[in-house]
């Protein structure tokens, strides 16, 4: 089983969607986590509604700091994915085990204002983009973690996976 951590600044929307999608799509091959550099302290209710709308459980998610995953007692990560540009640009902790660290920028649906339908559409778009990227990663197989060009291949997913929007 591989451990993956999805990181965003607030850990309230995109990273939570990613955590849920890895649990669902990884079919027991991944243990997924999410965290933020400056966690908001609560998960965005629209993120939880989005998960439910797509048939995924919204139970048990919480907004937490990436510091929980940087200590020696933390689970050893195989992959860390930043999903917001500000988290990608911040000084990350030194992750135990030296995992692959890649960036898959996703526009923040939590920043969209409007009625339920407008906000829901923004969350659905983020969900769809994350789903497509995770499926593309899974299609590469487990060897991507040991391949010489594995990091480049994983980063490429974040750069090219949105052409179908």
N, C-alpha and C. Protein backbone atom coordinates (compact mmCIF):
# COMPACT_ATOMS: atom_id res chain seq x y z
N UNK A 1 0.85 -1.18 0.00
CA UNK A 1 0.00 0.00 0.00
C UNK A 1 0.89 1.24 0.00
N UNK A 2 0.53 2.20 -0.82
CA UNK A 2 1.26 3.48 -0.91
C UNK A 2 0.51 4.54 -0.13
N UNK A 3 1.26 5.44 0.50
CA UNK A 3 0.68 6.57 1.22
C UNK A 3 0.83 7.82 0.38
N UNK A 4 -0.27 8.56 0.26
CA UNK A 4 -0.26 9.81 -0.51
C UNK A 4 -0.86 10.92 0.35
N UNK A 5 -0.22 12.08 0.32
CA UNK A 5 -0.68 13.26 1.04
C UNK A 5 -0.98 14.35 0.03
N UNK A 6 -2.21 14.87 0.07
CA UNK A 6 -2.60 15.97 -0.80
C UNK A 6 -2.57 17.24 0.03
N UNK A 7 -1.82 18.23 -0.43
CA UNK A 7 -1.57 19.44 0.34
C UNK A 7 -2.15 20.66 -0.36
N UNK A 8 -2.82 21.48 0.43
CA UNK A 8 -3.33 22.77 -0.01
C UNK A 8 -3.11 23.74 1.15
N UNK A 9 -3.23 24.99 0.93
CA UNK A 9 -2.98 25.95 2.00
C UNK A 9 -3.95 25.76 3.17
N UNK A 10 -5.26 25.79 2.92
CA UNK A 10 -6.25 25.77 4.00
C UNK A 10 -6.73 24.37 4.38
N UNK A 11 -6.49 23.38 3.55
CA UNK A 11 -6.99 22.01 3.77
C UNK A 11 -8.47 22.03 4.09
N UNK A 12 -9.23 22.71 3.22
CA UNK A 12 -10.68 22.77 3.45
C UNK A 12 -11.50 22.35 2.22
N UNK A 13 -10.86 22.26 1.05
CA UNK A 13 -11.64 21.97 -0.16
C UNK A 13 -10.90 21.01 -1.09
N UNK A 14 -9.97 21.53 -1.92
CA UNK A 14 -9.31 20.71 -2.94
C UNK A 14 -8.58 19.51 -2.37
N UNK A 15 -7.82 19.72 -1.32
CA UNK A 15 -7.05 18.60 -0.75
C UNK A 15 -7.98 17.54 -0.16
N UNK A 16 -9.10 17.97 0.40
CA UNK A 16 -10.08 17.02 0.94
C UNK A 16 -10.71 16.21 -0.20
N UNK A 17 -11.06 16.88 -1.30
CA UNK A 17 -11.59 16.17 -2.46
C UNK A 17 -10.58 15.14 -2.96
N UNK A 18 -9.31 15.53 -3.02
CA UNK A 18 -8.27 14.62 -3.46
C UNK A 18 -8.11 13.42 -2.54
N UNK A 19 -8.16 13.67 -1.24
CA UNK A 19 -8.05 12.58 -0.26
C UNK A 19 -9.18 11.57 -0.48
N UNK A 20 -10.40 12.06 -0.63
CA UNK A 20 -11.55 11.18 -0.84
C UNK A 20 -11.44 10.42 -2.15
N UNK A 21 -11.01 11.09 -3.20
CA UNK A 21 -10.89 10.44 -4.50
C UNK A 21 -9.82 9.35 -4.51
N UNK A 22 -8.69 9.60 -3.86
CA UNK A 22 -7.66 8.56 -3.78
C UNK A 22 -8.19 7.35 -3.02
N UNK A 23 -8.93 7.58 -1.96
CA UNK A 23 -9.52 6.45 -1.21
C UNK A 23 -10.43 5.64 -2.12
N UNK A 24 -11.24 6.33 -2.89
CA UNK A 24 -12.22 5.67 -3.75
C UNK A 24 -11.58 5.01 -4.97
N UNK A 25 -10.79 5.77 -5.71
CA UNK A 25 -10.24 5.27 -6.97
C UNK A 25 -9.05 4.34 -6.77
N UNK A 26 -8.34 4.50 -5.67
CA UNK A 26 -7.16 3.69 -5.41
C UNK A 26 -7.47 2.25 -5.08
N UNK A 27 -8.71 1.93 -4.79
CA UNK A 27 -9.19 0.57 -4.55
C UNK A 27 -8.27 -0.22 -3.62
N UNK A 28 -7.94 0.40 -2.47
CA UNK A 28 -7.14 -0.28 -1.47
C UNK A 28 -5.64 -0.24 -1.70
N UNK A 29 -5.20 0.37 -2.80
CA UNK A 29 -3.77 0.45 -3.09
C UNK A 29 -3.12 1.68 -2.47
N UNK A 30 -3.98 2.63 -2.02
CA UNK A 30 -3.47 3.87 -1.45
C UNK A 30 -4.16 4.16 -0.13
N UNK A 31 -3.36 4.63 0.80
CA UNK A 31 -3.90 5.24 2.01
C UNK A 31 -3.70 6.73 1.79
N UNK A 32 -4.79 7.49 1.82
CA UNK A 32 -4.69 8.90 1.48
C UNK A 32 -4.93 9.78 2.69
N UNK A 33 -4.28 10.94 2.64
CA UNK A 33 -4.37 11.94 3.70
C UNK A 33 -4.41 13.31 3.03
N UNK A 34 -4.86 14.31 3.76
CA UNK A 34 -4.79 15.69 3.28
C UNK A 34 -4.36 16.57 4.43
N UNK A 35 -3.74 17.70 4.07
CA UNK A 35 -3.27 18.64 5.08
C UNK A 35 -3.06 20.00 4.44
N UNK A 36 -2.84 21.00 5.29
CA UNK A 36 -2.61 22.35 4.81
C UNK A 36 -1.46 23.02 5.51
N UNK A 37 -0.86 23.99 4.85
CA UNK A 37 0.23 24.75 5.46
C UNK A 37 -0.31 25.69 6.53
N UNK A 38 -1.48 26.25 6.30
CA UNK A 38 -2.18 27.06 7.30
C UNK A 38 -3.64 26.65 7.29
N UNK A 39 -3.94 25.52 7.94
CA UNK A 39 -5.30 24.97 7.86
C UNK A 39 -6.35 25.93 8.40
N UNK A 40 -7.50 25.90 7.73
CA UNK A 40 -8.62 26.75 8.09
C UNK A 40 -9.25 26.32 9.42
N UNK A 41 -9.16 25.04 9.73
CA UNK A 41 -9.74 24.54 10.97
C UNK A 41 -11.05 23.80 10.77
N UNK A 42 -11.65 23.98 9.59
CA UNK A 42 -12.88 23.26 9.27
C UNK A 42 -12.92 23.00 7.76
N UNK A 43 -13.59 21.93 7.39
CA UNK A 43 -13.74 21.58 5.98
C UNK A 43 -14.89 22.40 5.41
N UNK A 44 -14.70 22.91 4.21
CA UNK A 44 -15.73 23.69 3.54
C UNK A 44 -16.97 22.81 3.33
N UNK A 45 -18.14 23.26 3.76
CA UNK A 45 -19.36 22.46 3.60
C UNK A 45 -19.66 22.12 2.14
N UNK A 46 -19.29 23.01 1.21
CA UNK A 46 -19.51 22.72 -0.22
C UNK A 46 -18.65 21.55 -0.69
N UNK A 47 -17.47 21.35 -0.09
CA UNK A 47 -16.63 20.20 -0.44
C UNK A 47 -17.32 18.91 0.00
N UNK A 48 -17.88 18.92 1.18
CA UNK A 48 -18.57 17.74 1.69
C UNK A 48 -19.82 17.43 0.86
N UNK A 49 -20.54 18.47 0.48
CA UNK A 49 -21.73 18.30 -0.37
C UNK A 49 -21.32 17.74 -1.73
N UNK A 50 -20.21 18.20 -2.27
CA UNK A 50 -19.71 17.71 -3.56
C UNK A 50 -19.40 16.22 -3.46
N UNK A 51 -18.74 15.81 -2.40
CA UNK A 51 -18.43 14.38 -2.24
C UNK A 51 -19.71 13.56 -2.21
N UNK A 52 -20.68 14.02 -1.45
CA UNK A 52 -21.96 13.30 -1.35
C UNK A 52 -22.67 13.25 -2.70
N UNK A 53 -22.61 14.36 -3.45
CA UNK A 53 -23.25 14.42 -4.76
C UNK A 53 -22.65 13.38 -5.72
N UNK A 54 -21.37 13.06 -5.51
CA UNK A 54 -20.69 12.09 -6.37
C UNK A 54 -20.66 10.69 -5.76
N UNK A 55 -21.42 10.50 -4.69
CA UNK A 55 -21.55 9.17 -4.10
C UNK A 55 -20.42 8.75 -3.18
N UNK A 56 -19.60 9.70 -2.73
CA UNK A 56 -18.51 9.37 -1.82
C UNK A 56 -18.87 9.81 -0.40
N UNK A 57 -18.32 9.11 0.56
CA UNK A 57 -18.57 9.45 1.96
C UNK A 57 -17.93 10.80 2.30
N UNK A 58 -18.63 11.56 3.11
CA UNK A 58 -18.09 12.85 3.57
C UNK A 58 -17.74 12.78 5.06
N UNK A 59 -17.75 11.60 5.61
CA UNK A 59 -17.50 11.43 7.05
C UNK A 59 -16.01 11.43 7.37
N UNK A 60 -15.68 12.01 8.51
CA UNK A 60 -14.35 11.90 9.08
C UNK A 60 -13.30 12.87 8.56
N UNK A 61 -13.64 13.77 7.68
CA UNK A 61 -12.65 14.72 7.18
C UNK A 61 -12.49 15.87 8.17
N UNK A 62 -11.26 16.33 8.31
CA UNK A 62 -11.00 17.49 9.16
C UNK A 62 -9.84 18.27 8.55
N UNK A 63 -9.83 19.56 8.83
CA UNK A 63 -8.77 20.43 8.35
C UNK A 63 -7.61 20.34 9.33
N UNK A 64 -6.40 19.98 8.83
CA UNK A 64 -5.27 19.77 9.71
C UNK A 64 -3.98 20.28 9.09
N UNK A 65 -2.99 20.48 9.92
CA UNK A 65 -1.71 21.01 9.48
C UNK A 65 -0.83 19.92 8.89
N UNK A 66 -0.01 20.32 7.93
CA UNK A 66 0.94 19.38 7.35
C UNK A 66 1.99 18.96 8.36
N UNK A 67 2.11 19.70 9.48
CA UNK A 67 3.06 19.32 10.52
C UNK A 67 2.75 17.92 11.08
N UNK A 68 1.48 17.51 11.02
CA UNK A 68 1.11 16.17 11.50
C UNK A 68 1.80 15.07 10.70
N UNK A 69 2.26 15.40 9.50
CA UNK A 69 2.83 14.39 8.62
C UNK A 69 4.33 14.56 8.41
N UNK A 70 4.93 15.48 9.15
CA UNK A 70 6.35 15.77 8.99
C UNK A 70 7.21 15.14 10.08
N UNK A 71 6.62 14.65 11.15
CA UNK A 71 7.40 14.08 12.24
C UNK A 71 7.80 12.64 11.99
N UNK A 72 8.69 12.15 12.81
CA UNK A 72 9.18 10.78 12.66
C UNK A 72 8.11 9.74 12.95
N UNK A 73 7.10 10.10 13.75
CA UNK A 73 6.03 9.16 14.08
C UNK A 73 4.92 9.15 13.03
N UNK A 74 4.98 10.04 12.07
CA UNK A 74 3.96 10.14 11.02
C UNK A 74 4.13 8.99 10.02
N UNK A 75 3.04 8.64 9.33
CA UNK A 75 3.17 7.62 8.29
C UNK A 75 4.16 8.08 7.22
N UNK A 76 4.96 7.17 6.71
CA UNK A 76 5.91 7.48 5.65
C UNK A 76 5.14 7.66 4.34
N UNK A 77 5.27 8.82 3.74
CA UNK A 77 4.58 9.12 2.49
C UNK A 77 5.40 8.65 1.30
N UNK A 78 4.70 8.15 0.29
CA UNK A 78 5.33 7.81 -0.98
C UNK A 78 5.19 8.94 -1.98
N UNK A 79 4.12 9.73 -1.82
CA UNK A 79 3.82 10.80 -2.76
C UNK A 79 3.14 11.94 -2.03
N UNK A 80 3.60 13.15 -2.34
CA UNK A 80 2.95 14.37 -1.84
C UNK A 80 2.57 15.18 -3.06
N UNK A 81 1.29 15.56 -3.11
CA UNK A 81 0.77 16.33 -4.24
C UNK A 81 0.26 17.67 -3.71
N UNK A 82 0.85 18.76 -4.18
CA UNK A 82 0.30 20.08 -3.86
C UNK A 82 -0.74 20.40 -4.93
N UNK A 83 -1.88 20.94 -4.48
CA UNK A 83 -2.96 21.23 -5.42
C UNK A 83 -3.27 22.72 -5.53
N UNK A 84 -2.57 23.53 -4.77
CA UNK A 84 -2.75 24.98 -4.93
C UNK A 84 -1.39 25.62 -5.11
N UNK A 85 -1.35 26.67 -5.90
CA UNK A 85 -0.09 27.29 -6.25
C UNK A 85 0.62 27.88 -5.04
N UNK A 86 -0.12 28.40 -4.08
CA UNK A 86 0.56 28.99 -2.92
C UNK A 86 1.24 27.92 -2.08
N UNK A 87 0.63 26.76 -1.91
CA UNK A 87 1.27 25.68 -1.14
C UNK A 87 2.49 25.15 -1.88
N UNK A 88 2.43 25.12 -3.21
CA UNK A 88 3.57 24.64 -4.00
C UNK A 88 4.76 25.56 -3.84
N UNK A 89 4.51 26.85 -3.62
CA UNK A 89 5.59 27.81 -3.50
C UNK A 89 6.13 27.99 -2.09
N UNK A 90 5.49 27.39 -1.11
CA UNK A 90 5.92 27.54 0.26
C UNK A 90 7.05 26.56 0.58
N UNK A 91 7.81 26.88 1.62
CA UNK A 91 8.84 25.95 2.08
C UNK A 91 8.14 24.81 2.80
N UNK A 92 8.21 23.64 2.20
CA UNK A 92 7.56 22.47 2.77
C UNK A 92 8.44 21.89 3.87
N UNK A 93 7.83 21.18 4.77
CA UNK A 93 8.63 20.47 5.77
C UNK A 93 9.52 19.43 5.07
N UNK A 94 10.50 18.94 5.79
CA UNK A 94 11.28 17.83 5.30
C UNK A 94 10.47 16.58 5.60
N UNK A 95 10.04 15.91 4.55
CA UNK A 95 9.17 14.76 4.72
C UNK A 95 10.00 13.51 4.99
N UNK A 96 9.66 12.77 6.05
CA UNK A 96 10.38 11.52 6.32
C UNK A 96 10.27 10.57 5.12
N UNK A 97 11.39 9.94 4.80
CA UNK A 97 11.39 8.96 3.71
C UNK A 97 11.62 9.56 2.33
N UNK A 98 11.69 10.88 2.21
CA UNK A 98 11.93 11.56 0.93
C UNK A 98 10.99 11.10 -0.17
N UNK A 99 9.69 11.37 -0.01
CA UNK A 99 8.72 10.97 -1.04
C UNK A 99 8.83 11.82 -2.31
N UNK A 100 8.20 11.35 -3.37
CA UNK A 100 8.05 12.18 -4.56
C UNK A 100 7.14 13.34 -4.20
N UNK A 101 7.49 14.55 -4.62
CA UNK A 101 6.65 15.73 -4.39
C UNK A 101 6.35 16.34 -5.75
N UNK A 102 5.05 16.42 -6.09
CA UNK A 102 4.64 16.95 -7.38
C UNK A 102 3.55 18.01 -7.19
N UNK A 103 3.32 18.78 -8.25
CA UNK A 103 2.32 19.84 -8.19
C UNK A 103 1.25 19.63 -9.26
N UNK A 104 0.00 19.63 -8.80
CA UNK A 104 -1.17 19.54 -9.69
C UNK A 104 -2.09 20.70 -9.35
N UNK A 105 -1.79 21.89 -9.81
CA UNK A 105 -2.59 23.07 -9.49
C UNK A 105 -4.05 22.95 -9.93
N UNK A 106 -4.93 23.26 -9.01
CA UNK A 106 -6.38 23.25 -9.26
C UNK A 106 -6.93 24.59 -8.76
N UNK A 107 -7.67 25.35 -9.57
CA UNK A 107 -8.27 26.59 -9.07
C UNK A 107 -9.15 26.32 -7.84
N UNK A 108 -9.12 27.25 -6.91
CA UNK A 108 -9.81 27.07 -5.63
C UNK A 108 -11.31 27.27 -5.77
N UNK A 109 -12.10 26.20 -5.63
CA UNK A 109 -13.55 26.36 -5.71
C UNK A 109 -14.12 27.11 -4.52
N UNK A 110 -13.40 27.10 -3.40
CA UNK A 110 -13.88 27.79 -2.21
C UNK A 110 -13.88 29.31 -2.40
N UNK A 111 -13.14 29.79 -3.38
CA UNK A 111 -13.10 31.22 -3.64
C UNK A 111 -14.23 31.71 -4.55
N UNK A 112 -15.04 30.79 -5.06
CA UNK A 112 -16.15 31.15 -5.95
C UNK A 112 -17.34 31.58 -5.11
N UNK A 113 -17.87 32.73 -5.43
CA UNK A 113 -19.06 33.23 -4.72
C UNK A 113 -20.28 33.04 -5.59
N UNK A 114 -21.42 32.99 -4.95
CA UNK A 114 -22.66 32.86 -5.69
C UNK A 114 -23.60 31.92 -4.99
N UNK A 115 -24.64 31.53 -5.71
CA UNK A 115 -25.65 30.64 -5.13
C UNK A 115 -25.12 29.20 -5.08
N UNK A 116 -25.94 28.30 -4.56
CA UNK A 116 -25.54 26.91 -4.40
C UNK A 116 -25.12 26.27 -5.73
N UNK A 117 -25.85 26.57 -6.79
CA UNK A 117 -25.54 26.00 -8.10
C UNK A 117 -24.18 26.48 -8.62
N UNK A 118 -23.90 27.76 -8.45
CA UNK A 118 -22.63 28.33 -8.91
C UNK A 118 -21.46 27.73 -8.15
N UNK A 119 -21.59 27.69 -6.83
CA UNK A 119 -20.52 27.11 -6.01
C UNK A 119 -20.40 25.61 -6.28
N UNK A 120 -21.52 24.94 -6.44
CA UNK A 120 -21.51 23.51 -6.72
C UNK A 120 -20.79 23.20 -8.02
N UNK A 121 -21.01 24.02 -9.04
CA UNK A 121 -20.35 23.82 -10.33
C UNK A 121 -18.83 23.98 -10.19
N UNK A 122 -18.39 24.93 -9.38
CA UNK A 122 -16.95 25.13 -9.17
C UNK A 122 -16.34 23.93 -8.45
N UNK A 123 -17.04 23.40 -7.46
CA UNK A 123 -16.55 22.22 -6.75
C UNK A 123 -16.58 20.99 -7.65
N UNK A 124 -17.60 20.86 -8.49
CA UNK A 124 -17.66 19.74 -9.41
C UNK A 124 -16.51 19.78 -10.42
N UNK A 125 -16.14 20.97 -10.87
CA UNK A 125 -15.03 21.10 -11.80
C UNK A 125 -13.72 20.67 -11.12
N UNK A 126 -13.49 21.13 -9.89
CA UNK A 126 -12.29 20.71 -9.16
C UNK A 126 -12.29 19.20 -8.96
N UNK A 127 -13.44 18.64 -8.61
CA UNK A 127 -13.58 17.20 -8.42
C UNK A 127 -13.23 16.46 -9.71
N UNK A 128 -13.80 16.92 -10.82
CA UNK A 128 -13.58 16.27 -12.12
C UNK A 128 -12.10 16.32 -12.51
N UNK A 129 -11.46 17.45 -12.28
CA UNK A 129 -10.04 17.57 -12.62
C UNK A 129 -9.18 16.64 -11.76
N UNK A 130 -9.48 16.59 -10.48
CA UNK A 130 -8.73 15.69 -9.60
C UNK A 130 -8.98 14.23 -9.97
N UNK A 131 -10.21 13.91 -10.26
CA UNK A 131 -10.55 12.53 -10.66
C UNK A 131 -9.78 12.13 -11.91
N UNK A 132 -9.73 13.01 -12.89
CA UNK A 132 -9.03 12.72 -14.14
C UNK A 132 -7.53 12.55 -13.89
N UNK A 133 -6.96 13.39 -13.06
CA UNK A 133 -5.52 13.31 -12.77
C UNK A 133 -5.18 12.04 -11.98
N UNK A 134 -6.00 11.71 -11.02
CA UNK A 134 -5.74 10.50 -10.23
C UNK A 134 -5.88 9.26 -11.11
N UNK A 135 -6.88 9.23 -11.97
CA UNK A 135 -7.02 8.10 -12.89
C UNK A 135 -5.82 8.00 -13.84
N UNK A 136 -5.31 9.15 -14.30
CA UNK A 136 -4.13 9.14 -15.16
C UNK A 136 -2.91 8.61 -14.40
N UNK A 137 -2.79 8.97 -13.14
CA UNK A 137 -1.69 8.46 -12.33
C UNK A 137 -1.82 6.96 -12.12
N UNK A 138 -3.02 6.51 -11.80
CA UNK A 138 -3.23 5.08 -11.58
C UNK A 138 -2.93 4.27 -12.83
N UNK A 139 -3.20 4.85 -14.00
CA UNK A 139 -2.93 4.16 -15.26
C UNK A 139 -1.43 3.94 -15.48
N UNK A 140 -0.60 4.75 -14.84
CA UNK A 140 0.85 4.59 -14.97
C UNK A 140 1.36 3.35 -14.24
N UNK A 141 0.60 2.88 -13.27
CA UNK A 141 1.01 1.71 -12.49
C UNK A 141 1.98 2.07 -11.39
N UNK A 142 2.26 1.11 -10.55
CA UNK A 142 3.09 1.33 -9.37
C UNK A 142 4.55 1.62 -9.73
N UNK A 143 4.99 1.22 -10.92
CA UNK A 143 6.38 1.43 -11.29
C UNK A 143 6.75 2.91 -11.40
N UNK A 144 5.76 3.79 -11.49
CA UNK A 144 6.05 5.22 -11.56
C UNK A 144 6.80 5.70 -10.31
N UNK A 145 6.61 4.99 -9.19
CA UNK A 145 7.27 5.38 -7.95
C UNK A 145 8.76 5.07 -7.95
N UNK A 146 9.20 4.17 -8.81
CA UNK A 146 10.61 3.80 -8.86
C UNK A 146 11.27 4.18 -10.19
N UNK A 147 10.48 4.62 -11.14
CA UNK A 147 11.03 4.99 -12.46
C UNK A 147 11.90 6.22 -12.34
N UNK A 148 12.97 6.25 -13.13
CA UNK A 148 13.88 7.38 -13.12
C UNK A 148 13.16 8.69 -13.45
N UNK A 149 12.17 8.61 -14.35
CA UNK A 149 11.42 9.80 -14.74
C UNK A 149 10.04 9.86 -14.07
N UNK A 150 9.85 9.12 -12.99
CA UNK A 150 8.55 9.06 -12.32
C UNK A 150 8.02 10.42 -11.89
N UNK A 151 8.88 11.23 -11.27
CA UNK A 151 8.44 12.55 -10.82
C UNK A 151 8.01 13.41 -12.01
N UNK A 152 8.77 13.39 -13.07
CA UNK A 152 8.43 14.18 -14.26
C UNK A 152 7.10 13.71 -14.85
N UNK A 153 6.88 12.40 -14.89
CA UNK A 153 5.63 11.88 -15.43
C UNK A 153 4.45 12.28 -14.57
N UNK A 154 4.62 12.28 -13.27
CA UNK A 154 3.54 12.68 -12.37
C UNK A 154 3.27 14.18 -12.46
N UNK A 155 4.33 14.99 -12.55
CA UNK A 155 4.14 16.44 -12.72
C UNK A 155 3.44 16.73 -14.04
N UNK A 156 3.75 15.97 -15.09
CA UNK A 156 3.13 16.18 -16.40
C UNK A 156 1.62 15.99 -16.34
N UNK A 157 1.16 15.11 -15.48
CA UNK A 157 -0.29 14.90 -15.32
C UNK A 157 -0.96 16.20 -14.89
N UNK A 158 -0.34 16.89 -13.96
CA UNK A 158 -0.89 18.16 -13.49
C UNK A 158 -0.86 19.25 -14.53
N UNK A 159 0.06 19.15 -15.48
CA UNK A 159 0.19 20.19 -16.50
C UNK A 159 -0.71 19.96 -17.71
N UNK A 160 -1.16 18.72 -17.93
CA UNK A 160 -1.88 18.43 -19.17
C UNK A 160 -3.27 17.85 -18.98
N UNK A 161 -3.67 17.55 -17.78
CA UNK A 161 -4.91 16.79 -17.58
C UNK A 161 -6.19 17.60 -17.72
N UNK A 162 -6.12 18.91 -17.90
CA UNK A 162 -7.33 19.72 -17.94
C UNK A 162 -7.77 20.09 -19.35
N UNK A 163 -7.22 19.47 -20.33
CA UNK A 163 -7.55 19.83 -21.71
C UNK A 163 -8.96 19.37 -22.10
N UNK A 164 -9.60 18.55 -21.25
CA UNK A 164 -10.92 18.05 -21.58
C UNK A 164 -12.05 18.85 -20.94
N UNK A 165 -11.73 19.94 -20.25
CA UNK A 165 -12.78 20.75 -19.58
C UNK A 165 -13.66 21.46 -20.59
